[in-house]
Every structure is written in C-alpha cells, then in structure tokens.
C-alpha cells in the first residue's frame, strides 16, 4: 500500500518509519493526486493510505456519466479524499461533503481548501434531524459508527467499550437539498458505516430527488 501510494523510495521509507517508530503513526504527510499538482494530506499508520489507493490508483469512483453531475453529495466524506477526487473531476459541480468525525473533518477541510465548489458539513446523514452518538468500534479512522440517542441510552456499557466520541448533529437528505438549494442530487455517494438501513427508512421522502446513488454496504 505504501509503495503504491508514495512510490518506491518514499514508500519504503515511510513504511519502515511507521513500523519501527510508533510516534510516526498519525503523522500527516503530503501526497499528490494523479494528473494534478494539488497535494492531499494522509496520516501514516492509518486507513488513509488504503483509501487513497482505492480512489486514485484503483479508480473506485472512476465512472462514466451521460453528462457530468452538477450536484454531488459526499456522505461519509472521511478526510476529503473522495471529495477532492469529485472536485477535480467535476469542477463545475456543487459538492456537499458531510463527515461526523471531528478528526476526519479537520482533514476534510484541509484537503478541500482549494476547491471552491466544495461545501463541508460536520454532521451525520441520518433518517431524522436531531442528534446521534458517534462511536469507535475499533475499525480505524474510517469506521466510526452512529447510534441514535435512544439506542445509546439502552447500550451505554457497549458504547463505553467501543469508545464514545460524543454527540454530533444529524441531518437528512431533505435537509441538505433544502439548505443548500440543490433541487436535485445528481450523485449521492454513501459510505456511512452501517447507517444505510436507518437512512433508507425515510427514502420515500427524498429518493425522487436523487438521480444516481453509489453506496458501500456494511450489513454483513
């Protein structure tokens, strides 16, 4: 993964550094998007490197559309690696990037700072407007999970074991469409770590406003 992300010489050095010097884990380093001079930031010893490779080396979002999407909602934007890809690929699109984790959101803002067509939102995409609890089940920075407040109260001990990261604002697809005057979402990208069921409970309220959906399922 490090060789693919950083190249042979730099990749070997960073991989060795991360494995033999624990303080290097979490260190922020720059890597460039292919065909772009814009640098992105990834954290050593985290899932950032894998996500970068999936998107920029593996072509995870390299789709063909009949016409370029003009409105994109990137829910579960993580550190902005996917958002930066969309912003670079579709510079005329209006992109709303949503991420609940504070640590990831800071990098999301940094990685999209030069993209004038991106609006960042620290929130969780959910079935209802309100508040949800953010927990870490131990899957790494890309695996933060959401739990509604009722479930959080009923499973306090389990949340404590998983690592409670506090509460975060919850917004619906309808909220995003209305608040940012989208009209129609040409592309809704969902990587929301197991919250697909809760989100689609309210699908009848918004799905007619969405043209295409890309989602990663976590129901296994």
Foldseek 3Di string as FASTA:
>chain_A
DLCLQANDPVSVVLVVCVVPPVVQFQPWDWGDAPPDPQIAIDGPPFCRSVVLCCVRVVVVPVDDDPDQWQEEEAALCFLQSVVLVSCVVCVNHQYEYEAADPVSQVNNCVSCVVRPRYDYDHAHAFQDWDKWWWFAQPPGSSAIATGHPVVCVVPVVVRVVRGTPGMGTYDYPVCVCVVVVVQAHAEYEEEHRARPVRRCVNCVVPVVRYNYYHYDHDPD
